[in-house]
Amino acid sequence: MQEESTQRTIALVVRTAKLTEEIQKRMIMAYLNDLAYEDVPEKHGKMSVKELMEKDQGANTMDINNGNIRDFDRVAAKYNIDYAIKKDKLENPPKYVVFFKGRDADVISAAFKDFLNLEEKKSKRPSLRQKLQRFRSIVPIGLDKERVREKKIDKDKEASL
């Protein structure tokens, strides 16, 4: 019984007038290619709308208005969600429509909550320009000019030596 499960026999059927080595080689290559395609795992994560629609279940949609779509990409990859993003160029600013599979409603709702929390945190942070303005007001302007003068004087001394 164990020998039957460990040793397999395959049947390849080919119509030919003469069975040559080249035909046998092609038969074996066709069989190996067929085996390689059987073991290909399903694609997950970001995909095209067409690929998403070819999967088993219907898709749901959600609109994202801001241009920060990369954050959604990260969150969706974290939760292993199958999704597709379509940009609506007719509106100004452009609106993004996210298509996703509805098979895991709990996972999708958790991912969207995480995405919204991330967006809320980003909106509360001060911008980089505001931080720079604050630091410019703290640092006295006169110190920068003195440093520049010292560098010029040092360069002049080195050139005369």
N, C-alpha and C. Protein backbone atom coordinates (compact mmCIF):
# COMPACT_ATOMS: atom_id res chain seq x y z
N MET A 1 0.82 -1.19 0.00
CA MET A 1 0.00 0.00 0.00
C MET A 1 0.86 1.26 0.00
N GLN A 2 1.94 1.26 0.79
CA GLN A 2 2.80 2.42 0.85
C GLN A 2 3.54 2.62 -0.47
N GLU A 3 3.90 1.54 -1.13
CA GLU A 3 4.59 1.65 -2.40
C GLU A 3 3.71 2.31 -3.45
N GLU A 4 2.42 2.05 -3.39
CA GLU A 4 1.51 2.65 -4.35
C GLU A 4 1.43 4.16 -4.19
N SER A 5 1.48 4.64 -2.94
CA SER A 5 1.38 6.08 -2.71
C SER A 5 2.70 6.79 -3.00
N THR A 6 3.83 6.12 -2.85
CA THR A 6 5.10 6.78 -3.09
C THR A 6 5.49 6.75 -4.56
N GLN A 7 5.07 5.74 -5.28
CA GLN A 7 5.41 5.65 -6.70
C GLN A 7 4.17 5.98 -7.52
N ARG A 8 4.31 6.95 -8.40
CA ARG A 8 3.18 7.37 -9.21
C ARG A 8 3.45 7.05 -10.67
N THR A 9 2.42 6.79 -11.35
CA THR A 9 2.51 6.56 -12.79
C THR A 9 1.71 7.65 -13.49
N ILE A 10 2.31 8.24 -14.50
CA ILE A 10 1.60 9.27 -15.25
C ILE A 10 1.36 8.75 -16.66
N ALA A 11 0.30 9.19 -17.24
CA ALA A 11 -0.03 8.80 -18.61
C ALA A 11 -0.05 10.04 -19.48
N LEU A 12 0.78 10.04 -20.51
CA LEU A 12 0.82 11.13 -21.47
C LEU A 12 0.35 10.58 -22.80
N VAL A 13 -0.61 11.22 -23.39
CA VAL A 13 -1.17 10.75 -24.66
C VAL A 13 -0.81 11.76 -25.75
N VAL A 14 -0.20 11.24 -26.80
CA VAL A 14 0.20 12.08 -27.92
C VAL A 14 -0.12 11.34 -29.20
N ARG A 15 -0.68 12.04 -30.16
CA ARG A 15 -0.91 11.45 -31.47
C ARG A 15 0.25 11.84 -32.38
N THR A 16 0.95 10.85 -32.86
CA THR A 16 2.07 11.10 -33.75
C THR A 16 2.27 9.90 -34.66
N ALA A 17 2.90 10.17 -35.80
CA ALA A 17 3.19 9.07 -36.73
C ALA A 17 4.40 8.29 -36.27
N LYS A 18 5.37 8.99 -35.69
CA LYS A 18 6.60 8.32 -35.25
C LYS A 18 7.01 8.93 -33.92
N LEU A 19 7.22 8.14 -32.91
CA LEU A 19 7.61 8.62 -31.58
C LEU A 19 9.13 8.73 -31.53
N THR A 20 9.60 9.98 -31.52
CA THR A 20 11.05 10.22 -31.50
C THR A 20 11.44 10.79 -30.15
N GLU A 21 12.74 10.95 -29.97
CA GLU A 21 13.24 11.54 -28.72
C GLU A 21 12.76 12.97 -28.55
N GLU A 22 12.70 13.72 -29.64
CA GLU A 22 12.25 15.11 -29.58
C GLU A 22 10.79 15.19 -29.12
N ILE A 23 9.95 14.32 -29.59
CA ILE A 23 8.54 14.32 -29.18
C ILE A 23 8.42 13.91 -27.72
N GLN A 24 9.21 12.94 -27.29
CA GLN A 24 9.19 12.54 -25.87
C GLN A 24 9.66 13.70 -24.99
N LYS A 25 10.67 14.42 -25.44
CA LYS A 25 11.18 15.57 -24.68
C LYS A 25 10.10 16.64 -24.55
N ARG A 26 9.38 16.91 -25.65
CA ARG A 26 8.30 17.90 -25.61
C ARG A 26 7.18 17.47 -24.69
N MET A 27 6.86 16.18 -24.67
CA MET A 27 5.81 15.66 -23.79
C MET A 27 6.18 15.87 -22.33
N ILE A 28 7.41 15.54 -21.99
CA ILE A 28 7.86 15.70 -20.60
C ILE A 28 7.89 17.18 -20.21
N MET A 29 8.36 18.06 -21.11
CA MET A 29 8.39 19.49 -20.81
C MET A 29 6.98 20.04 -20.62
N ALA A 30 6.03 19.58 -21.44
CA ALA A 30 4.64 20.02 -21.29
C ALA A 30 4.07 19.57 -19.95
N TYR A 31 4.41 18.38 -19.54
CA TYR A 31 3.94 17.88 -18.24
C TYR A 31 4.54 18.69 -17.10
N LEU A 32 5.83 18.98 -17.15
CA LEU A 32 6.48 19.76 -16.10
C LEU A 32 5.93 21.19 -16.05
N ASN A 33 5.66 21.77 -17.20
CA ASN A 33 5.06 23.11 -17.21
C ASN A 33 3.67 23.10 -16.59
N ASP A 34 2.92 22.06 -16.85
CA ASP A 34 1.59 21.93 -16.27
C ASP A 34 1.67 21.81 -14.76
N LEU A 35 2.65 21.07 -14.26
CA LEU A 35 2.84 20.95 -12.81
C LEU A 35 3.21 22.29 -12.18
N ALA A 36 4.03 23.06 -12.87
CA ALA A 36 4.46 24.36 -12.34
C ALA A 36 3.28 25.30 -12.19
N TYR A 37 2.33 25.27 -13.13
CA TYR A 37 1.17 26.17 -13.04
C TYR A 37 0.16 25.74 -11.99
N GLU A 38 0.15 24.48 -11.63
CA GLU A 38 -0.79 24.01 -10.61
C GLU A 38 -0.41 24.52 -9.22
N ASP A 39 0.87 24.71 -8.97
CA ASP A 39 1.35 25.06 -7.64
C ASP A 39 1.47 26.57 -7.42
N VAL A 40 1.03 27.38 -8.38
CA VAL A 40 1.12 28.82 -8.24
C VAL A 40 0.10 29.28 -7.20
N PRO A 41 0.56 29.99 -6.16
CA PRO A 41 -0.40 30.44 -5.13
C PRO A 41 -1.27 31.58 -5.65
N GLU A 42 -2.40 31.77 -4.99
CA GLU A 42 -3.31 32.85 -5.36
C GLU A 42 -2.69 34.19 -5.03
N LYS A 43 -2.97 35.17 -5.85
CA LYS A 43 -2.45 36.51 -5.63
C LYS A 43 -3.28 37.21 -4.56
N HIS A 44 -2.61 37.87 -3.62
CA HIS A 44 -3.29 38.62 -2.57
C HIS A 44 -2.75 40.04 -2.55
N GLY A 45 -3.52 40.93 -1.97
CA GLY A 45 -3.09 42.32 -1.85
C GLY A 45 -3.61 43.16 -2.98
N LYS A 46 -2.78 44.12 -3.42
CA LYS A 46 -3.18 45.05 -4.47
C LYS A 46 -3.16 44.35 -5.82
N MET A 47 -4.21 44.55 -6.60
CA MET A 47 -4.33 43.96 -7.92
C MET A 47 -5.19 44.85 -8.78
N SER A 48 -5.34 44.49 -10.05
CA SER A 48 -6.19 45.27 -10.93
C SER A 48 -7.66 44.95 -10.64
N VAL A 49 -8.53 45.82 -11.11
CA VAL A 49 -9.97 45.61 -10.89
C VAL A 49 -10.43 44.34 -11.60
N LYS A 50 -9.88 44.08 -12.78
CA LYS A 50 -10.25 42.89 -13.53
C LYS A 50 -9.88 41.62 -12.76
N GLU A 51 -8.66 41.58 -12.21
CA GLU A 51 -8.23 40.42 -11.42
C GLU A 51 -9.10 40.24 -10.18
N LEU A 52 -9.47 41.35 -9.57
CA LEU A 52 -10.30 41.28 -8.37
C LEU A 52 -11.68 40.74 -8.69
N MET A 53 -12.24 41.15 -9.81
CA MET A 53 -13.57 40.69 -10.20
C MET A 53 -13.58 39.21 -10.60
N GLU A 54 -12.44 38.70 -11.07
CA GLU A 54 -12.37 37.30 -11.46
C GLU A 54 -12.34 36.36 -10.25
N LYS A 55 -12.04 36.91 -9.09
CA LYS A 55 -12.04 36.08 -7.89
C LYS A 55 -13.46 35.66 -7.54
N ASP A 56 -13.59 34.83 -6.51
CA ASP A 56 -14.84 34.13 -6.20
C ASP A 56 -16.03 35.01 -5.85
N GLN A 57 -15.90 36.03 -5.04
CA GLN A 57 -17.06 36.77 -4.54
C GLN A 57 -17.15 38.15 -5.17
N GLY A 58 -18.31 38.78 -4.98
CA GLY A 58 -18.52 40.14 -5.46
C GLY A 58 -17.70 41.14 -4.66
N ALA A 59 -17.52 42.31 -5.22
CA ALA A 59 -16.67 43.32 -4.58
C ALA A 59 -17.52 44.44 -4.00
N ASN A 60 -17.03 45.04 -2.95
CA ASN A 60 -17.62 46.23 -2.35
C ASN A 60 -16.72 47.41 -2.69
N THR A 61 -17.22 48.63 -2.52
CA THR A 61 -16.42 49.81 -2.83
C THR A 61 -16.44 50.79 -1.67
N MET A 62 -15.43 51.66 -1.68
CA MET A 62 -15.32 52.73 -0.70
C MET A 62 -14.59 53.89 -1.36
N ASP A 63 -15.02 55.11 -1.11
CA ASP A 63 -14.38 56.29 -1.67
C ASP A 63 -13.37 56.85 -0.68
N ILE A 64 -12.20 57.23 -1.20
CA ILE A 64 -11.19 57.91 -0.40
C ILE A 64 -10.92 59.23 -1.10
N ASN A 65 -11.13 60.34 -0.41
CA ASN A 65 -11.05 61.65 -1.04
C ASN A 65 -9.65 62.25 -1.02
N ASN A 66 -8.89 62.00 0.02
CA ASN A 66 -7.58 62.65 0.08
C ASN A 66 -6.57 61.90 -0.78
N GLY A 67 -5.47 62.55 -1.08
CA GLY A 67 -4.48 61.97 -1.97
C GLY A 67 -3.50 61.04 -1.30
N ASN A 68 -3.68 60.75 -0.03
CA ASN A 68 -2.72 59.91 0.69
C ASN A 68 -3.14 58.45 0.61
N ILE A 69 -3.04 57.88 -0.57
CA ILE A 69 -3.50 56.51 -0.80
C ILE A 69 -2.46 55.50 -0.34
N ARG A 70 -1.21 55.92 -0.18
CA ARG A 70 -0.16 54.99 0.25
C ARG A 70 -0.39 54.47 1.66
N ASP A 71 -0.96 55.29 2.50
CA ASP A 71 -1.27 54.82 3.85
C ASP A 71 -2.29 53.68 3.80
N PHE A 72 -3.26 53.81 2.91
CA PHE A 72 -4.22 52.72 2.76
C PHE A 72 -3.54 51.46 2.24
N ASP A 73 -2.59 51.61 1.32
CA ASP A 73 -1.84 50.45 0.82
C ASP A 73 -1.16 49.71 1.96
N ARG A 74 -0.54 50.45 2.84
CA ARG A 74 0.18 49.82 3.97
C ARG A 74 -0.77 49.09 4.91
N VAL A 75 -1.89 49.73 5.22
CA VAL A 75 -2.86 49.11 6.14
C VAL A 75 -3.48 47.86 5.50
N ALA A 76 -3.81 47.93 4.22
CA ALA A 76 -4.40 46.78 3.54
C ALA A 76 -3.41 45.62 3.45
N ALA A 77 -2.14 45.92 3.25
CA ALA A 77 -1.13 44.86 3.23
C ALA A 77 -0.97 44.25 4.61
N LYS A 78 -1.09 45.08 5.63
CA LYS A 78 -0.98 44.58 7.01
C LYS A 78 -2.09 43.59 7.32
N TYR A 79 -3.30 43.85 6.83
CA TYR A 79 -4.44 42.98 7.11
C TYR A 79 -4.69 41.93 6.01
N ASN A 80 -3.81 41.90 5.00
CA ASN A 80 -3.88 40.91 3.91
C ASN A 80 -5.24 40.95 3.20
N ILE A 81 -5.62 42.14 2.77
CA ILE A 81 -6.90 42.34 2.08
C ILE A 81 -6.65 42.38 0.58
N ASP A 82 -7.51 41.71 -0.18
CA ASP A 82 -7.47 41.79 -1.64
C ASP A 82 -8.23 43.05 -2.05
N TYR A 83 -7.58 43.95 -2.78
CA TYR A 83 -8.21 45.21 -3.14
C TYR A 83 -7.66 45.73 -4.47
N ALA A 84 -8.39 46.66 -5.05
CA ALA A 84 -7.97 47.35 -6.27
C ALA A 84 -8.33 48.82 -6.10
N ILE A 85 -7.47 49.69 -6.61
CA ILE A 85 -7.69 51.13 -6.50
C ILE A 85 -7.88 51.71 -7.89
N LYS A 86 -8.91 52.52 -8.03
CA LYS A 86 -9.21 53.19 -9.30
C LYS A 86 -9.27 54.68 -9.03
N LYS A 87 -8.57 55.46 -9.83
CA LYS A 87 -8.55 56.91 -9.67
C LYS A 87 -9.60 57.54 -10.57
N ASP A 88 -10.47 58.36 -9.99
CA ASP A 88 -11.48 59.08 -10.75
C ASP A 88 -10.90 60.44 -11.12
N LYS A 89 -10.46 60.58 -12.35
CA LYS A 89 -9.76 61.79 -12.80
C LYS A 89 -10.70 62.93 -13.14
N LEU A 90 -11.98 62.65 -13.26
CA LEU A 90 -12.93 63.69 -13.66
C LEU A 90 -13.16 64.72 -12.57
N GLU A 91 -12.98 64.31 -11.33
CA GLU A 91 -13.20 65.24 -10.22
C GLU A 91 -11.92 65.97 -9.89
N ASN A 92 -12.07 67.16 -9.34
CA ASN A 92 -10.90 67.93 -8.94
C ASN A 92 -11.05 68.33 -7.49
N PRO A 93 -10.26 67.92 -6.56
CA PRO A 93 -9.12 67.01 -6.66
C PRO A 93 -9.57 65.59 -6.95
N PRO A 94 -8.68 64.76 -7.49
CA PRO A 94 -9.09 63.40 -7.86
C PRO A 94 -9.54 62.58 -6.67
N LYS A 95 -10.53 61.73 -6.92
CA LYS A 95 -11.08 60.88 -5.87
C LYS A 95 -10.66 59.44 -6.19
N TYR A 96 -10.36 58.67 -5.17
CA TYR A 96 -9.95 57.28 -5.34
C TYR A 96 -11.09 56.37 -4.89
N VAL A 97 -11.38 55.36 -5.70
CA VAL A 97 -12.40 54.37 -5.36
C VAL A 97 -11.66 53.07 -5.09
N VAL A 98 -11.88 52.51 -3.91
CA VAL A 98 -11.21 51.26 -3.51
C VAL A 98 -12.22 50.13 -3.61
N PHE A 99 -11.90 49.13 -4.42
CA PHE A 99 -12.71 47.92 -4.54
C PHE A 99 -12.06 46.85 -3.68
N PHE A 100 -12.86 46.13 -2.92
CA PHE A 100 -12.32 45.06 -2.08
C PHE A 100 -13.33 43.93 -1.99
N LYS A 101 -12.83 42.76 -1.67
CA LYS A 101 -13.69 41.59 -1.54
C LYS A 101 -14.39 41.62 -0.20
N GLY A 102 -15.65 41.22 -0.16
CA GLY A 102 -16.44 41.31 1.04
C GLY A 102 -16.47 40.05 1.88
N ARG A 103 -15.56 39.10 1.63
CA ARG A 103 -15.62 37.83 2.34
C ARG A 103 -15.24 37.94 3.81
N ASP A 104 -14.36 38.87 4.14
CA ASP A 104 -13.92 39.03 5.53
C ASP A 104 -14.35 40.39 6.04
N ALA A 105 -15.60 40.51 6.40
CA ALA A 105 -16.15 41.81 6.81
C ALA A 105 -15.48 42.33 8.07
N ASP A 106 -15.17 41.46 9.01
CA ASP A 106 -14.53 41.90 10.26
C ASP A 106 -13.12 42.43 10.00
N VAL A 107 -12.38 41.74 9.15
CA VAL A 107 -11.01 42.16 8.84
C VAL A 107 -11.03 43.50 8.11
N ILE A 108 -11.96 43.66 7.20
CA ILE A 108 -12.05 44.90 6.44
C ILE A 108 -12.44 46.07 7.34
N SER A 109 -13.39 45.85 8.23
CA SER A 109 -13.79 46.94 9.13
C SER A 109 -12.64 47.31 10.07
N ALA A 110 -11.88 46.34 10.54
CA ALA A 110 -10.71 46.64 11.39
C ALA A 110 -9.66 47.41 10.61
N ALA A 111 -9.45 47.04 9.35
CA ALA A 111 -8.45 47.73 8.53
C ALA A 111 -8.86 49.18 8.28
N PHE A 112 -10.14 49.42 8.00
CA PHE A 112 -10.59 50.78 7.76
C PHE A 112 -10.53 51.62 9.04
N LYS A 113 -10.82 51.02 10.19
CA LYS A 113 -10.67 51.75 11.45
C LYS A 113 -9.22 52.14 11.67
N ASP A 114 -8.31 51.21 11.39
CA ASP A 114 -6.88 51.49 11.54
C ASP A 114 -6.46 52.60 10.58
N PHE A 115 -6.95 52.57 9.36
CA PHE A 115 -6.63 53.59 8.37
C PHE A 115 -7.14 54.96 8.82
N LEU A 116 -8.37 55.02 9.32
CA LEU A 116 -8.93 56.29 9.78
C LEU A 116 -8.18 56.83 10.99
N ASN A 117 -7.76 55.95 11.90
CA ASN A 117 -6.96 56.38 13.05
C ASN A 117 -5.63 56.95 12.60
N LEU A 118 -5.02 56.33 11.61
CA LEU A 118 -3.76 56.81 11.07
C LEU A 118 -3.93 58.18 10.44
N GLU A 119 -5.01 58.38 9.69
CA GLU A 119 -5.28 59.68 9.08
C GLU A 119 -5.53 60.76 10.14
N GLU A 120 -6.22 60.38 11.21
CA GLU A 120 -6.50 61.35 12.28
C GLU A 120 -5.22 61.77 12.98
N LYS A 121 -4.33 60.82 13.22
CA LYS A 121 -3.05 61.15 13.85
C LYS A 121 -2.23 62.07 12.97
N LYS A 122 -2.24 61.82 11.67
CA LYS A 122 -1.47 62.66 10.76
C LYS A 122 -2.02 64.07 10.70
N SER A 123 -3.33 64.21 10.79
CA SER A 123 -3.91 65.55 10.71
C SER A 123 -3.60 66.36 11.97
N LYS A 124 -3.38 65.71 13.10
CA LYS A 124 -3.07 66.41 14.34
C LYS A 124 -1.61 66.84 14.42
N ARG A 125 -0.73 66.17 13.67
CA ARG A 125 0.69 66.53 13.72
C ARG A 125 0.93 67.86 13.03
N PRO A 126 1.85 68.67 13.56
CA PRO A 126 2.18 69.91 12.87
C PRO A 126 2.97 69.60 11.60
N SER A 127 2.84 70.46 10.62
CA SER A 127 3.55 70.24 9.36
C SER A 127 5.04 70.55 9.53
N LEU A 128 5.82 70.11 8.59
CA LEU A 128 7.25 70.33 8.64
C LEU A 128 7.57 71.81 8.52
N ARG A 129 6.81 72.52 7.73
CA ARG A 129 7.03 73.96 7.59
C ARG A 129 6.76 74.70 8.91
N GLN A 130 5.74 74.28 9.64
CA GLN A 130 5.45 74.90 10.93
C GLN A 130 6.59 74.64 11.91
N LYS A 131 7.14 73.44 11.88
CA LYS A 131 8.27 73.13 12.77
C LYS A 131 9.48 73.99 12.43
N LEU A 132 9.76 74.15 11.14
CA LEU A 132 10.89 74.98 10.72
C LEU A 132 10.70 76.43 11.14
N GLN A 133 9.51 76.95 10.99
CA GLN A 133 9.24 78.33 11.42
C GLN A 133 9.47 78.49 12.92
N ARG A 134 9.05 77.49 13.68
CA ARG A 134 9.23 77.57 15.13
C ARG A 134 10.71 77.57 15.49
N PHE A 135 11.50 76.72 14.84
CA PHE A 135 12.93 76.66 15.14
C PHE A 135 13.67 77.91 14.66
N ARG A 136 13.21 78.51 13.57
CA ARG A 136 13.82 79.76 13.10
C ARG A 136 13.59 80.88 14.09
N SER A 137 12.42 80.87 14.72
CA SER A 137 12.15 81.92 15.71
C SER A 137 12.96 81.70 16.98
N ILE A 138 13.32 80.48 17.28
CA ILE A 138 14.10 80.18 18.49
C ILE A 138 15.56 80.54 18.31
N VAL A 139 16.14 80.18 17.17
CA VAL A 139 17.57 80.40 16.91
C VAL A 139 17.78 81.86 16.54
N PRO A 140 18.69 82.53 17.24
CA PRO A 140 18.98 83.93 16.89
C PRO A 140 19.67 84.02 15.52
N ILE A 141 19.31 85.03 14.76
CA ILE A 141 19.81 85.17 13.40
C ILE A 141 21.27 85.60 13.40
N GLY A 142 21.71 86.39 14.36
CA GLY A 142 23.07 86.91 14.40
C GLY A 142 24.13 85.82 14.51
N LEU A 143 23.86 84.71 15.16
CA LEU A 143 24.85 83.65 15.31
C LEU A 143 25.23 83.04 13.96
N ASP A 144 24.29 82.91 13.09
CA ASP A 144 24.58 82.34 11.78
C ASP A 144 25.53 83.22 10.98
N LYS A 145 25.36 84.53 11.05
CA LYS A 145 26.23 85.44 10.31
C LYS A 145 27.66 85.39 10.84
N GLU A 146 27.82 85.27 12.16
CA GLU A 146 29.16 85.20 12.74
C GLU A 146 29.88 83.93 12.29
N ARG A 147 29.17 82.84 12.21
CA ARG A 147 29.78 81.59 11.76
C ARG A 147 30.26 81.71 10.31
N VAL A 148 29.49 82.36 9.49
CA VAL A 148 29.87 82.52 8.09
C VAL A 148 31.11 83.38 7.99
N ARG A 149 31.20 84.43 8.77
CA ARG A 149 32.36 85.32 8.74
C ARG A 149 33.60 84.57 9.20
N GLU A 150 33.48 83.76 10.25
CA GLU A 150 34.62 83.00 10.74
C GLU A 150 35.14 82.04 9.67
N LYS A 151 34.26 81.41 8.94
CA LYS A 151 34.68 80.49 7.88
C LYS A 151 35.42 81.24 6.79
N LYS A 152 34.93 82.42 6.42
CA LYS A 152 35.60 83.20 5.37
C LYS A 152 36.98 83.64 5.82
N ILE A 153 37.12 84.06 7.05
CA ILE A 153 38.41 84.50 7.57
C ILE A 153 39.38 83.32 7.61
N ASP A 154 38.92 82.15 8.04
CA ASP A 154 39.79 80.97 8.08
C ASP A 154 40.26 80.59 6.68
N LYS A 155 39.40 80.69 5.69
CA LYS A 155 39.77 80.36 4.31
C LYS A 155 40.81 81.34 3.78
N ASP A 156 40.66 82.65 4.15
CA ASP A 156 41.63 83.66 3.69
C ASP A 156 43.00 83.40 4.31
N LYS A 157 43.03 82.99 5.58
CA LYS A 157 44.31 82.69 6.24
C LYS A 157 44.99 81.49 5.60
N GLU A 158 44.23 80.49 5.28
CA GLU A 158 44.78 79.29 4.64
C GLU A 158 45.32 79.61 3.25
N ALA A 159 44.66 80.49 2.53
CA ALA A 159 45.09 80.84 1.19
C ALA A 159 46.40 81.61 1.24
N SER A 160 46.62 82.46 2.26
CA SER A 160 47.85 83.23 2.35
C SER A 160 49.04 82.39 2.80
N LEU A 161 48.79 81.27 3.45
CA LEU A 161 49.89 80.41 3.89
C LEU A 161 50.39 79.62 2.77
